[in-house]
Each structure stands twice: as structure tokens, then as C-alpha cells.
């Protein structure tokens, strides 16, 4: 693969990774509520989901979603439902007392955070369609497919993980600077509302083709 083509892919993938969305909101929430270290499992979960989506897109799921309205609607409803569920859960947790919130923060397990990030990625039809549209544009017929797949997907995962951890770290630093403001009831309810709004936007997503 020519270096110019690879750099173009890196640019597109980085812009996509930095664009605010469900994964970014999750990273910000975890960074603010649990600290940047505890955002690592959820970010790993998210990029694990991206890897699974890339494999599924290569297997034809993206094309199936484009051609089948039923499959697209099912995936869309699952993804929107999960985002709305996260939003309602976050809103309800915001009503806890400060000490109870602190204990809940300390008790959050890495497995739960990883699973949350993984499910968020796997239930996002926009991510499936994006990966399906992105990867083929940089695949060359004269180069073995497995090698190209490994390079492109590992690059995308690395850039995505770096972007999510950057957001989580900024949220964690901001929380420290503002003396717990980002752990307040208002912030948690705001992030919960953002998840619900993102779920609503996902319901409006239309099938391409």
C-alpha cells in the first residue's frame, strides 16, 4: 500500500474517531465519573467491537444491511434502544447521594465497563455502515487481502482508542480542576440526556441504497 494512501486512511479514520458520538460520550462519562484509568476497559471494549464490525463487514453484513430494510431496521432499533437504556440508567444514577455515588464509582468493575463499550460498538449501525464504506476504498486488488485488513483495522483501532482515551483524560482532568463538578447530578443527567438524544437520532437514520 502506498504511503500516501495509508496516510489518507489515517486522516479519515482519525477524523471519524474524534467526531463526537456514543463512544465519545461514554469515554467522557467514564473519565469524569471513574477517572481516566477506568475508561481504559470501556475503550478497549469499543475497539474490540470495531474489530468485530470490521470482520462482519468483510463477511458481508454491511452489504446485507444496505440491501435489506428488515435487517437494517432490526439493527437500528437494537442500537437506539441500547443508547436510550444507557441514558435512562445514567439519569437515574444521577439522583444518588454523593457518598453513594462515590462508593458506586469505586465498585465499578473492569468487566462491566468493557462489556458496556463492546455492546455500544456492536449495536451501532452507523459504525457498521461507516466501516463498510471506508475499508473497501483503501483495499487494493494487487495486495493480499488479509495483510491489508490487518494494517487498516489495527490502525483504525489504535486511532480510535487514542481518541477515546484523550477525551476520557480531558474529562478526568476537568473533573479534578472543577472540584467534582463533572460528577454532579447535573452533569450525569446531562450525559444521560445526550445518550437518549443520540438514540433518537439513530432512530431517524435512513438506509442507504
N, C-alpha and C. Protein backbone atom coordinates (compact mmCIF):
# COMPACT_ATOMS: atom_id res chain seq x y z
N UNK A 1 0.84 -1.19 0.00
CA UNK A 1 0.00 0.00 0.00
C UNK A 1 0.88 1.25 0.00
N UNK A 2 0.66 2.17 -0.95
CA UNK A 2 1.45 3.40 -0.98
C UNK A 2 1.28 4.20 0.30
N UNK A 3 2.35 4.84 0.73
CA UNK A 3 2.30 5.58 1.97
C UNK A 3 1.28 6.72 1.90
N UNK A 4 1.12 7.32 0.72
CA UNK A 4 0.15 8.42 0.57
C UNK A 4 -1.28 7.91 0.82
N UNK A 5 -1.58 6.71 0.33
CA UNK A 5 -2.91 6.14 0.53
C UNK A 5 -3.13 5.79 2.01
N UNK A 6 -2.09 5.27 2.63
CA UNK A 6 -2.19 4.92 4.05
C UNK A 6 -2.38 6.17 4.91
N UNK A 7 -1.66 7.25 4.61
CA UNK A 7 -1.81 8.50 5.36
C UNK A 7 -3.20 9.10 5.18
N UNK A 8 -3.75 8.94 3.97
CA UNK A 8 -5.11 9.42 3.73
C UNK A 8 -6.10 8.63 4.59
N UNK A 9 -5.89 7.32 4.66
CA UNK A 9 -6.75 6.48 5.51
C UNK A 9 -6.64 6.91 6.97
N UNK A 10 -5.42 7.17 7.43
CA UNK A 10 -5.21 7.59 8.82
C UNK A 10 -5.95 8.90 9.11
N UNK A 11 -5.92 9.83 8.14
CA UNK A 11 -6.59 11.10 8.32
C UNK A 11 -8.10 10.92 8.45
N UNK A 12 -8.67 10.12 7.55
CA UNK A 12 -10.11 9.87 7.57
C UNK A 12 -10.51 9.16 8.86
N UNK A 13 -9.72 8.14 9.24
CA UNK A 13 -10.03 7.37 10.44
C UNK A 13 -9.91 8.23 11.70
N UNK A 14 -8.93 9.13 11.74
CA UNK A 14 -8.74 9.99 12.90
C UNK A 14 -9.91 10.97 13.03
N UNK A 15 -10.33 11.55 11.92
CA UNK A 15 -11.47 12.47 11.96
C UNK A 15 -12.72 11.74 12.45
N UNK A 16 -12.92 10.52 11.95
CA UNK A 16 -14.07 9.72 12.37
C UNK A 16 -14.00 9.40 13.87
N UNK A 17 -12.80 9.12 14.35
CA UNK A 17 -12.62 8.77 15.76
C UNK A 17 -12.84 9.96 16.69
N UNK A 18 -12.47 11.15 16.22
CA UNK A 18 -12.60 12.35 17.05
C UNK A 18 -13.99 12.97 17.00
N UNK A 19 -14.79 12.57 16.01
CA UNK A 19 -16.13 13.13 15.88
C UNK A 19 -17.01 12.67 17.04
N UNK A 20 -17.64 13.61 17.75
CA UNK A 20 -18.48 13.23 18.90
C UNK A 20 -19.59 12.25 18.50
N UNK A 21 -19.79 11.26 19.33
CA UNK A 21 -20.80 10.24 19.11
C UNK A 21 -20.98 9.43 20.39
N UNK A 22 -21.69 8.31 20.32
CA UNK A 22 -21.92 7.49 21.52
C UNK A 22 -20.64 7.05 22.22
N UNK A 23 -19.64 6.61 21.46
CA UNK A 23 -18.39 6.13 22.07
C UNK A 23 -17.66 7.27 22.79
N UNK A 24 -17.66 8.45 22.18
CA UNK A 24 -17.02 9.61 22.79
C UNK A 24 -17.76 10.01 24.06
N UNK A 25 -19.10 10.00 24.01
CA UNK A 25 -19.88 10.34 25.21
C UNK A 25 -19.61 9.35 26.33
N UNK A 26 -19.47 8.07 25.99
CA UNK A 26 -19.18 7.06 27.01
C UNK A 26 -17.80 7.30 27.62
N UNK A 27 -16.82 7.65 26.79
CA UNK A 27 -15.48 7.92 27.29
C UNK A 27 -15.47 9.14 28.22
N UNK A 28 -16.20 10.19 27.85
CA UNK A 28 -16.28 11.38 28.68
C UNK A 28 -16.96 11.06 30.01
N UNK A 29 -18.04 10.31 29.95
CA UNK A 29 -18.75 9.94 31.18
C UNK A 29 -17.87 9.14 32.11
N UNK A 30 -17.19 8.14 31.56
CA UNK A 30 -16.33 7.29 32.40
C UNK A 30 -15.12 8.05 32.92
N UNK A 31 -14.56 8.93 32.08
CA UNK A 31 -13.42 9.72 32.54
C UNK A 31 -13.79 10.65 33.68
N UNK A 32 -14.98 11.25 33.58
CA UNK A 32 -15.42 12.18 34.62
C UNK A 32 -15.84 11.46 35.90
N UNK A 33 -16.56 10.34 35.75
CA UNK A 33 -17.12 9.65 36.92
C UNK A 33 -16.17 8.65 37.56
N UNK A 34 -15.32 8.04 36.75
CA UNK A 34 -14.48 6.95 37.26
C UNK A 34 -12.98 7.21 37.14
N UNK A 35 -12.58 8.29 36.47
CA UNK A 35 -11.16 8.55 36.26
C UNK A 35 -10.68 7.93 34.96
N UNK A 36 -9.60 8.49 34.41
CA UNK A 36 -9.16 8.05 33.08
C UNK A 36 -8.71 6.60 33.06
N UNK A 37 -8.17 6.09 34.16
CA UNK A 37 -7.72 4.69 34.18
C UNK A 37 -8.89 3.72 34.00
N UNK A 38 -10.03 4.07 34.61
CA UNK A 38 -11.20 3.20 34.49
C UNK A 38 -11.92 3.37 33.16
N UNK A 39 -11.46 4.34 32.34
CA UNK A 39 -12.01 4.47 30.99
C UNK A 39 -11.29 3.53 30.02
N UNK A 40 -10.17 2.95 30.45
CA UNK A 40 -9.42 2.05 29.58
C UNK A 40 -10.23 0.82 29.21
N UNK A 41 -10.88 0.12 30.18
CA UNK A 41 -11.65 -1.07 29.79
C UNK A 41 -12.77 -0.77 28.80
N UNK A 42 -13.51 0.32 29.01
CA UNK A 42 -14.60 0.63 28.09
C UNK A 42 -14.07 0.99 26.70
N UNK A 43 -12.91 1.65 26.65
CA UNK A 43 -12.31 1.99 25.36
C UNK A 43 -11.81 0.74 24.65
N UNK A 44 -11.24 -0.20 25.41
CA UNK A 44 -10.85 -1.48 24.82
C UNK A 44 -12.08 -2.23 24.32
N UNK A 45 -13.16 -2.16 25.09
CA UNK A 45 -14.39 -2.79 24.65
C UNK A 45 -14.89 -2.21 23.35
N UNK A 46 -14.78 -0.89 23.22
CA UNK A 46 -15.24 -0.24 22.00
C UNK A 46 -14.42 -0.65 20.78
N UNK A 47 -13.10 -0.68 20.92
CA UNK A 47 -12.28 -1.05 19.76
C UNK A 47 -12.40 -2.55 19.47
N UNK A 48 -12.71 -3.36 20.49
CA UNK A 48 -12.98 -4.78 20.24
C UNK A 48 -14.24 -4.91 19.39
N UNK A 49 -15.22 -4.06 19.70
CA UNK A 49 -16.43 -4.04 18.89
C UNK A 49 -16.16 -3.60 17.47
N UNK A 50 -15.28 -2.61 17.30
CA UNK A 50 -14.91 -2.16 15.95
C UNK A 50 -14.26 -3.29 15.16
N UNK A 51 -13.41 -4.08 15.85
CA UNK A 51 -12.77 -5.21 15.17
C UNK A 51 -13.82 -6.22 14.71
N UNK A 52 -14.78 -6.49 15.60
CA UNK A 52 -15.84 -7.43 15.23
C UNK A 52 -16.66 -6.91 14.06
N UNK A 53 -16.95 -5.60 14.08
CA UNK A 53 -17.71 -4.99 12.99
C UNK A 53 -16.94 -5.05 11.68
N UNK A 54 -15.62 -4.84 11.75
CA UNK A 54 -14.80 -4.92 10.55
C UNK A 54 -14.83 -6.33 9.97
N UNK A 55 -14.75 -7.33 10.85
CA UNK A 55 -14.82 -8.72 10.39
C UNK A 55 -16.18 -9.02 9.77
N UNK A 56 -17.25 -8.53 10.41
CA UNK A 56 -18.59 -8.76 9.90
C UNK A 56 -18.81 -8.04 8.57
N UNK A 57 -18.23 -6.85 8.44
CA UNK A 57 -18.39 -6.12 7.18
C UNK A 57 -17.68 -6.85 6.05
N UNK A 58 -16.53 -7.44 6.36
CA UNK A 58 -15.82 -8.23 5.35
C UNK A 58 -16.60 -9.48 4.99
N UNK A 59 -17.41 -9.96 5.95
CA UNK A 59 -18.22 -11.16 5.70
C UNK A 59 -19.53 -10.83 5.00
N UNK A 60 -19.82 -9.54 4.84
CA UNK A 60 -20.99 -9.14 4.06
C UNK A 60 -22.15 -8.58 4.84
N UNK A 61 -22.01 -8.36 6.16
CA UNK A 61 -23.12 -7.82 6.93
C UNK A 61 -23.48 -6.41 6.47
N UNK A 62 -22.46 -5.60 6.17
CA UNK A 62 -22.74 -4.24 5.73
C UNK A 62 -23.54 -4.21 4.44
N UNK A 63 -23.17 -5.08 3.50
CA UNK A 63 -23.92 -5.15 2.24
C UNK A 63 -25.34 -5.63 2.49
N UNK A 64 -25.49 -6.59 3.44
CA UNK A 64 -26.83 -7.10 3.76
C UNK A 64 -27.69 -5.99 4.36
N UNK A 65 -27.10 -5.18 5.22
CA UNK A 65 -27.86 -4.08 5.82
C UNK A 65 -28.28 -3.06 4.76
N UNK A 66 -27.42 -2.85 3.77
CA UNK A 66 -27.74 -1.90 2.72
C UNK A 66 -28.87 -2.42 1.83
N UNK A 67 -28.93 -3.74 1.64
CA UNK A 67 -29.90 -4.32 0.71
C UNK A 67 -31.19 -4.75 1.39
N UNK A 68 -31.14 -5.00 2.70
CA UNK A 68 -32.32 -5.50 3.42
C UNK A 68 -32.83 -4.46 4.41
N UNK A 69 -34.03 -3.96 4.14
CA UNK A 69 -34.63 -2.97 5.04
C UNK A 69 -34.94 -3.58 6.40
N UNK A 70 -35.33 -4.85 6.42
CA UNK A 70 -35.69 -5.50 7.68
C UNK A 70 -34.48 -5.63 8.59
N UNK A 71 -33.34 -6.12 8.04
CA UNK A 71 -32.12 -6.27 8.83
C UNK A 71 -31.65 -4.91 9.34
N UNK A 72 -31.70 -3.92 8.48
CA UNK A 72 -31.27 -2.57 8.87
C UNK A 72 -32.12 -2.05 10.02
N UNK A 73 -33.43 -2.20 9.93
CA UNK A 73 -34.32 -1.69 10.97
C UNK A 73 -34.11 -2.43 12.29
N UNK A 74 -33.87 -3.73 12.23
CA UNK A 74 -33.64 -4.50 13.46
C UNK A 74 -32.38 -4.02 14.16
N UNK A 75 -31.29 -3.88 13.40
CA UNK A 75 -30.03 -3.41 13.98
C UNK A 75 -30.18 -2.00 14.52
N UNK A 76 -30.90 -1.16 13.77
CA UNK A 76 -31.10 0.23 14.19
C UNK A 76 -31.89 0.30 15.49
N UNK A 77 -32.94 -0.48 15.61
CA UNK A 77 -33.77 -0.46 16.82
C UNK A 77 -32.99 -0.97 18.04
N UNK A 78 -32.19 -2.01 17.83
CA UNK A 78 -31.37 -2.52 18.93
C UNK A 78 -30.38 -1.46 19.40
N UNK A 79 -29.71 -0.82 18.44
CA UNK A 79 -28.72 0.20 18.78
C UNK A 79 -29.34 1.40 19.48
N UNK A 80 -30.46 1.89 18.94
CA UNK A 80 -31.14 3.04 19.55
C UNK A 80 -31.65 2.67 20.94
N UNK A 81 -32.21 1.46 21.07
CA UNK A 81 -32.72 1.02 22.36
C UNK A 81 -31.63 0.96 23.42
N UNK A 82 -30.44 0.49 23.02
CA UNK A 82 -29.35 0.39 23.98
C UNK A 82 -28.87 1.77 24.42
N UNK A 83 -28.79 2.71 23.49
CA UNK A 83 -28.39 4.08 23.84
C UNK A 83 -29.40 4.72 24.78
N UNK A 84 -30.68 4.54 24.50
CA UNK A 84 -31.71 5.10 25.37
C UNK A 84 -31.67 4.45 26.75
N UNK A 85 -31.40 3.14 26.77
CA UNK A 85 -31.26 2.44 28.06
C UNK A 85 -30.11 3.03 28.87
N UNK A 86 -28.95 3.27 28.22
CA UNK A 86 -27.82 3.87 28.92
C UNK A 86 -28.17 5.26 29.44
N UNK A 87 -28.92 6.03 28.63
CA UNK A 87 -29.29 7.37 29.05
C UNK A 87 -30.20 7.36 30.27
N UNK A 88 -31.19 6.49 30.26
CA UNK A 88 -32.11 6.40 31.40
C UNK A 88 -31.38 5.91 32.64
N UNK A 89 -30.48 4.94 32.46
CA UNK A 89 -29.69 4.43 33.58
C UNK A 89 -28.83 5.53 34.18
N UNK A 90 -28.18 6.32 33.30
CA UNK A 90 -27.33 7.41 33.77
C UNK A 90 -28.16 8.47 34.49
N UNK A 91 -29.33 8.80 33.97
CA UNK A 91 -30.20 9.80 34.59
C UNK A 91 -30.64 9.35 35.98
N UNK A 92 -31.01 8.07 36.09
CA UNK A 92 -31.48 7.56 37.39
C UNK A 92 -30.34 7.52 38.40
N UNK A 93 -29.14 7.15 37.94
CA UNK A 93 -27.99 7.10 38.85
C UNK A 93 -27.60 8.49 39.35
N UNK A 94 -27.96 9.52 38.57
CA UNK A 94 -27.60 10.88 38.96
C UNK A 94 -28.32 11.32 40.22
N UNK A 95 -29.41 10.64 40.56
CA UNK A 95 -30.16 11.02 41.74
C UNK A 95 -29.61 10.47 43.03
N UNK A 96 -28.53 9.70 42.98
CA UNK A 96 -27.94 9.14 44.18
C UNK A 96 -27.26 10.22 45.00
N UNK A 97 -27.15 9.97 46.28
CA UNK A 97 -26.41 10.89 47.15
C UNK A 97 -24.94 10.82 46.82
N UNK A 98 -24.19 11.86 47.19
CA UNK A 98 -22.77 11.96 46.82
C UNK A 98 -21.96 10.79 47.34
N UNK A 99 -22.18 10.38 48.59
CA UNK A 99 -21.38 9.29 49.14
C UNK A 99 -21.72 7.98 48.46
N UNK A 100 -22.97 7.77 48.19
CA UNK A 100 -23.37 6.55 47.50
C UNK A 100 -22.79 6.51 46.10
N UNK A 101 -22.75 7.68 45.44
CA UNK A 101 -22.16 7.78 44.10
C UNK A 101 -20.68 7.46 44.14
N UNK A 102 -19.99 7.92 45.19
CA UNK A 102 -18.57 7.66 45.33
C UNK A 102 -18.31 6.16 45.50
N UNK A 103 -19.14 5.50 46.32
CA UNK A 103 -18.98 4.05 46.51
C UNK A 103 -19.27 3.31 45.22
N UNK A 104 -20.29 3.76 44.47
CA UNK A 104 -20.61 3.11 43.20
C UNK A 104 -19.47 3.28 42.20
N UNK A 105 -18.84 4.48 42.23
CA UNK A 105 -17.70 4.74 41.34
C UNK A 105 -16.57 3.78 41.62
N UNK A 106 -16.27 3.57 42.90
CA UNK A 106 -15.16 2.70 43.26
C UNK A 106 -15.48 1.23 42.97
N UNK A 107 -16.78 0.88 42.96
CA UNK A 107 -17.16 -0.51 42.81
C UNK A 107 -17.29 -0.96 41.35
N UNK A 108 -17.24 -0.02 40.42
CA UNK A 108 -17.40 -0.37 39.01
C UNK A 108 -16.27 -1.30 38.58
N UNK A 109 -16.62 -2.45 37.99
CA UNK A 109 -15.63 -3.42 37.58
C UNK A 109 -15.18 -3.23 36.15
N UNK A 110 -13.97 -3.67 35.86
CA UNK A 110 -13.42 -3.54 34.51
C UNK A 110 -14.25 -4.34 33.51
N UNK A 111 -14.75 -5.50 33.94
CA UNK A 111 -15.54 -6.33 33.03
C UNK A 111 -16.83 -5.62 32.61
N UNK A 112 -17.48 -4.96 33.57
CA UNK A 112 -18.72 -4.25 33.26
C UNK A 112 -18.45 -3.09 32.30
N UNK A 113 -17.36 -2.36 32.53
CA UNK A 113 -17.01 -1.25 31.66
C UNK A 113 -16.65 -1.74 30.26
N UNK A 114 -15.91 -2.85 30.18
CA UNK A 114 -15.53 -3.42 28.89
C UNK A 114 -16.78 -3.85 28.12
N UNK A 115 -17.68 -4.53 28.81
CA UNK A 115 -18.91 -5.01 28.16
C UNK A 115 -19.75 -3.86 27.65
N UNK A 116 -19.82 -2.78 28.42
CA UNK A 116 -20.59 -1.62 28.01
C UNK A 116 -20.03 -1.01 26.72
N UNK A 117 -18.70 -0.87 26.67
CA UNK A 117 -18.08 -0.34 25.47
C UNK A 117 -18.25 -1.25 24.27
N UNK A 118 -18.14 -2.56 24.50
CA UNK A 118 -18.30 -3.54 23.43
C UNK A 118 -19.71 -3.50 22.85
N UNK A 119 -20.72 -3.53 23.72
CA UNK A 119 -22.10 -3.52 23.26
C UNK A 119 -22.45 -2.22 22.54
N UNK A 120 -21.88 -1.13 23.02
CA UNK A 120 -22.14 0.16 22.38
C UNK A 120 -21.66 0.16 20.94
N UNK A 121 -20.49 -0.44 20.70
CA UNK A 121 -19.96 -0.50 19.34
C UNK A 121 -20.76 -1.48 18.47
N UNK A 122 -21.07 -2.64 19.02
CA UNK A 122 -21.74 -3.68 18.24
C UNK A 122 -23.17 -3.33 17.86
N UNK A 123 -23.79 -2.43 18.61
CA UNK A 123 -25.19 -2.09 18.34
C UNK A 123 -25.34 -0.76 17.61
N UNK A 124 -24.25 -0.29 17.02
CA UNK A 124 -24.28 0.99 16.31
C UNK A 124 -24.29 0.75 14.80
N UNK A 125 -25.46 0.83 14.14
CA UNK A 125 -25.50 0.59 12.69
C UNK A 125 -24.70 1.60 11.89
N UNK A 126 -24.57 2.83 12.41
CA UNK A 126 -23.76 3.83 11.70
C UNK A 126 -22.31 3.39 11.64
N UNK A 127 -21.81 2.75 12.70
CA UNK A 127 -20.44 2.26 12.69
C UNK A 127 -20.27 1.15 11.67
N UNK A 128 -21.27 0.25 11.58
CA UNK A 128 -21.20 -0.83 10.60
C UNK A 128 -21.16 -0.28 9.19
N UNK A 129 -22.05 0.66 8.90
CA UNK A 129 -22.11 1.23 7.55
C UNK A 129 -20.86 2.04 7.24
N UNK A 130 -20.32 2.75 8.26
CA UNK A 130 -19.11 3.55 8.05
C UNK A 130 -17.93 2.64 7.71
N UNK A 131 -17.76 1.58 8.48
CA UNK A 131 -16.65 0.67 8.23
C UNK A 131 -16.81 0.00 6.88
N UNK A 132 -18.05 -0.36 6.54
CA UNK A 132 -18.29 -0.98 5.24
C UNK A 132 -17.96 -0.05 4.09
N UNK A 133 -18.25 1.24 4.29
CA UNK A 133 -17.97 2.21 3.23
C UNK A 133 -16.51 2.62 3.21
N UNK A 134 -15.86 2.61 4.38
CA UNK A 134 -14.49 3.12 4.47
C UNK A 134 -13.46 2.12 3.96
N UNK A 135 -13.48 0.91 4.52
CA UNK A 135 -12.41 -0.04 4.23
C UNK A 135 -12.26 -0.37 2.74
N UNK A 136 -13.36 -0.64 2.01
CA UNK A 136 -13.17 -1.01 0.59
C UNK A 136 -12.48 0.06 -0.24
N UNK A 137 -12.60 1.33 0.18
CA UNK A 137 -11.99 2.41 -0.59
C UNK A 137 -10.46 2.35 -0.57
N UNK A 138 -9.90 1.64 0.41
CA UNK A 138 -8.45 1.59 0.57
C UNK A 138 -7.89 0.20 0.33
N UNK A 139 -8.74 -0.70 -0.17
CA UNK A 139 -8.30 -2.06 -0.48
C UNK A 139 -7.83 -2.13 -1.93
N UNK A 140 -6.63 -2.66 -2.15
CA UNK A 140 -6.09 -2.81 -3.50
C UNK A 140 -6.13 -4.28 -3.91
N UNK A 141 -6.51 -4.50 -5.16
CA UNK A 141 -6.66 -5.86 -5.65
C UNK A 141 -5.31 -6.57 -5.81
N UNK A 142 -4.21 -5.81 -5.95
CA UNK A 142 -2.91 -6.43 -6.20
C UNK A 142 -2.14 -6.73 -4.91
N UNK A 143 -2.78 -6.52 -3.76
CA UNK A 143 -2.14 -6.79 -2.47
C UNK A 143 -3.00 -7.79 -1.71
N UNK A 144 -2.39 -8.80 -1.05
CA UNK A 144 -3.17 -9.79 -0.31
C UNK A 144 -4.14 -9.14 0.68
N UNK A 145 -5.39 -9.59 0.64
CA UNK A 145 -6.43 -9.00 1.48
C UNK A 145 -6.15 -9.12 2.98
N UNK A 146 -5.73 -10.28 3.50
CA UNK A 146 -5.51 -10.38 4.96
C UNK A 146 -4.50 -9.36 5.49
N UNK A 147 -3.43 -9.10 4.73
CA UNK A 147 -2.43 -8.15 5.18
C UNK A 147 -2.99 -6.73 5.21
N UNK A 148 -3.73 -6.37 4.16
CA UNK A 148 -4.34 -5.04 4.13
C UNK A 148 -5.36 -4.89 5.26
N UNK A 149 -6.15 -5.92 5.47
CA UNK A 149 -7.16 -5.89 6.53
C UNK A 149 -6.50 -5.68 7.89
N UNK A 150 -5.43 -6.42 8.14
CA UNK A 150 -4.73 -6.31 9.42
C UNK A 150 -4.18 -4.91 9.64
N UNK A 151 -3.58 -4.33 8.59
CA UNK A 151 -2.97 -3.00 8.72
C UNK A 151 -4.04 -1.94 8.94
N UNK A 152 -5.07 -1.96 8.11
CA UNK A 152 -6.09 -0.91 8.18
C UNK A 152 -6.90 -0.99 9.47
N UNK A 153 -7.31 -2.19 9.84
CA UNK A 153 -8.16 -2.33 11.04
C UNK A 153 -7.36 -2.03 12.30
N UNK A 154 -6.13 -2.52 12.37
CA UNK A 154 -5.31 -2.24 13.57
C UNK A 154 -5.03 -0.74 13.69
N UNK A 155 -4.84 -0.07 12.55
CA UNK A 155 -4.63 1.39 12.58
C UNK A 155 -5.88 2.10 13.07
N UNK A 156 -7.03 1.70 12.54
CA UNK A 156 -8.30 2.30 12.94
C UNK A 156 -8.55 2.09 14.43
N UNK A 157 -8.28 0.89 14.94
CA UNK A 157 -8.47 0.59 16.35
C UNK A 157 -7.54 1.43 17.23
N UNK A 158 -6.29 1.58 16.79
CA UNK A 158 -5.32 2.37 17.56
C UNK A 158 -5.72 3.83 17.63
N UNK A 159 -6.13 4.38 16.48
CA UNK A 159 -6.54 5.79 16.45
C UNK A 159 -7.81 6.01 17.27
N UNK A 160 -8.73 5.07 17.17
CA UNK A 160 -9.97 5.19 17.93
C UNK A 160 -9.71 5.12 19.43
N UNK A 161 -8.87 4.18 19.84
CA UNK A 161 -8.54 4.05 21.27
C UNK A 161 -7.85 5.32 21.78
N UNK A 162 -6.92 5.85 20.99
CA UNK A 162 -6.21 7.07 21.38
C UNK A 162 -7.17 8.25 21.53
N UNK A 163 -8.11 8.36 20.59
CA UNK A 163 -9.08 9.46 20.65
C UNK A 163 -9.97 9.33 21.87
N UNK A 164 -10.47 8.12 22.14
CA UNK A 164 -11.36 7.92 23.29
C UNK A 164 -10.64 8.20 24.60
N UNK A 165 -9.39 7.75 24.70
CA UNK A 165 -8.64 7.98 25.94
C UNK A 165 -8.29 9.46 26.11
N UNK A 166 -8.12 10.16 25.00
CA UNK A 166 -7.87 11.61 25.08
C UNK A 166 -9.08 12.32 25.66
N UNK A 167 -10.27 11.96 25.17
CA UNK A 167 -11.49 12.54 25.71
C UNK A 167 -11.66 12.18 27.18
N UNK A 168 -11.40 10.91 27.53
CA UNK A 168 -11.56 10.47 28.92
C UNK A 168 -10.59 11.19 29.84
N UNK A 169 -9.35 11.38 29.37
CA UNK A 169 -8.34 12.06 30.19
C UNK A 169 -8.71 13.53 30.40
N UNK A 170 -9.17 14.18 29.33
CA UNK A 170 -9.59 15.58 29.45
C UNK A 170 -10.76 15.71 30.43
N UNK A 171 -11.70 14.77 30.37
CA UNK A 171 -12.84 14.81 31.29
C UNK A 171 -12.38 14.58 32.73
N UNK A 172 -11.42 13.67 32.91
CA UNK A 172 -10.90 13.39 34.24
C UNK A 172 -10.16 14.60 34.81
N UNK A 173 -9.34 15.23 33.98
CA UNK A 173 -8.60 16.42 34.42
C UNK A 173 -9.56 17.56 34.75
N UNK A 174 -10.58 17.73 33.89
CA UNK A 174 -11.56 18.79 34.12
C UNK A 174 -12.31 18.54 35.42
N UNK A 175 -12.62 17.28 35.68
CA UNK A 175 -13.32 16.95 36.93
C UNK A 175 -12.47 17.31 38.13
N UNK A 176 -11.16 17.04 38.06
CA UNK A 176 -10.26 17.39 39.17
C UNK A 176 -10.16 18.90 39.32
N UNK A 177 -10.09 19.61 38.20
CA UNK A 177 -9.94 21.06 38.25
C UNK A 177 -11.18 21.74 38.83
N UNK A 178 -12.35 21.19 38.49
CA UNK A 178 -13.59 21.85 38.91
C UNK A 178 -14.21 21.20 40.15
N UNK A 179 -13.35 20.52 40.95
CA UNK A 179 -13.74 20.05 42.27
C UNK A 179 -15.01 19.21 42.28
N UNK A 180 -15.07 18.28 41.35
CA UNK A 180 -16.19 17.34 41.35
C UNK A 180 -17.41 17.81 40.59
N UNK A 181 -17.32 18.95 39.89
CA UNK A 181 -18.48 19.43 39.15
C UNK A 181 -18.97 18.39 38.15
N UNK A 182 -17.99 17.69 37.50
CA UNK A 182 -18.38 16.73 36.47
C UNK A 182 -18.88 15.41 37.05
N UNK A 183 -18.90 15.30 38.38
CA UNK A 183 -19.56 14.16 39.00
C UNK A 183 -20.90 14.57 39.61
N UNK A 184 -21.30 15.79 39.36
CA UNK A 184 -22.52 16.30 39.96
C UNK A 184 -23.74 15.68 39.31
N UNK A 185 -24.87 15.87 39.99
CA UNK A 185 -26.14 15.35 39.47
C UNK A 185 -26.45 15.95 38.11
N UNK A 186 -26.19 17.27 37.96
CA UNK A 186 -26.50 17.93 36.70
C UNK A 186 -25.71 17.37 35.53
N UNK A 187 -24.41 17.12 35.73
CA UNK A 187 -23.58 16.59 34.65
C UNK A 187 -24.05 15.19 34.25
N UNK A 188 -24.31 14.35 35.25
CA UNK A 188 -24.73 12.98 34.95
C UNK A 188 -26.08 12.95 34.24
N UNK A 189 -26.97 13.86 34.64
CA UNK A 189 -28.25 13.92 33.94
C UNK A 189 -28.08 14.45 32.52
N UNK A 190 -27.13 15.37 32.34
CA UNK A 190 -26.87 15.91 31.00
C UNK A 190 -26.32 14.82 30.08
N UNK A 191 -25.37 14.02 30.59
CA UNK A 191 -24.82 12.94 29.76
C UNK A 191 -25.89 11.89 29.48
N UNK A 192 -26.74 11.62 30.48
CA UNK A 192 -27.84 10.69 30.25
C UNK A 192 -28.76 11.18 29.16
N UNK A 193 -29.07 12.48 29.19
CA UNK A 193 -29.92 13.07 28.15
C UNK A 193 -29.26 12.98 26.78
N UNK A 194 -27.94 13.15 26.74
CA UNK A 194 -27.21 13.06 25.46
C UNK A 194 -27.33 11.67 24.87
N UNK A 195 -27.24 10.63 25.71
CA UNK A 195 -27.39 9.25 25.22
C UNK A 195 -28.79 9.05 24.63
N UNK A 196 -29.81 9.57 25.32
CA UNK A 196 -31.17 9.44 24.82
C UNK A 196 -31.34 10.17 23.49
N UNK A 197 -30.77 11.38 23.39
CA UNK A 197 -30.85 12.15 22.15
C UNK A 197 -30.15 11.42 21.01
N UNK A 198 -28.97 10.86 21.30
CA UNK A 198 -28.26 10.09 20.28
C UNK A 198 -29.07 8.88 19.83
N UNK A 199 -29.75 8.24 20.79
CA UNK A 199 -30.63 7.14 20.43
C UNK A 199 -31.76 7.60 19.53
N UNK A 200 -32.30 8.79 19.82
CA UNK A 200 -33.35 9.35 18.98
C UNK A 200 -32.87 9.66 17.57
N UNK A 201 -31.67 10.21 17.47
CA UNK A 201 -31.10 10.48 16.14
C UNK A 201 -30.87 9.17 15.38
N UNK A 202 -30.48 8.13 16.10
CA UNK A 202 -30.24 6.84 15.46
C UNK A 202 -31.54 6.27 14.88
N UNK A 203 -32.64 6.51 15.56
CA UNK A 203 -33.94 6.06 15.05
C UNK A 203 -34.30 6.74 13.74
N UNK A 204 -33.74 7.93 13.52
CA UNK A 204 -34.02 8.68 12.28
C UNK A 204 -33.08 8.29 11.15
N UNK A 205 -32.10 7.44 11.43
CA UNK A 205 -31.13 7.04 10.42
C UNK A 205 -31.83 6.29 9.29
N UNK A 206 -31.53 6.64 8.06
CA UNK A 206 -32.15 6.01 6.89
C UNK A 206 -31.17 5.08 6.21
N UNK A 207 -31.71 4.00 5.66
CA UNK A 207 -30.88 3.05 4.92
C UNK A 207 -30.43 3.65 3.61
N UNK A 208 -29.15 3.44 3.29
CA UNK A 208 -28.59 3.95 2.03
C UNK A 208 -28.71 2.87 0.98
N UNK A 209 -29.23 3.22 -0.17
CA UNK A 209 -29.32 2.26 -1.26
C UNK A 209 -30.65 1.53 -1.30
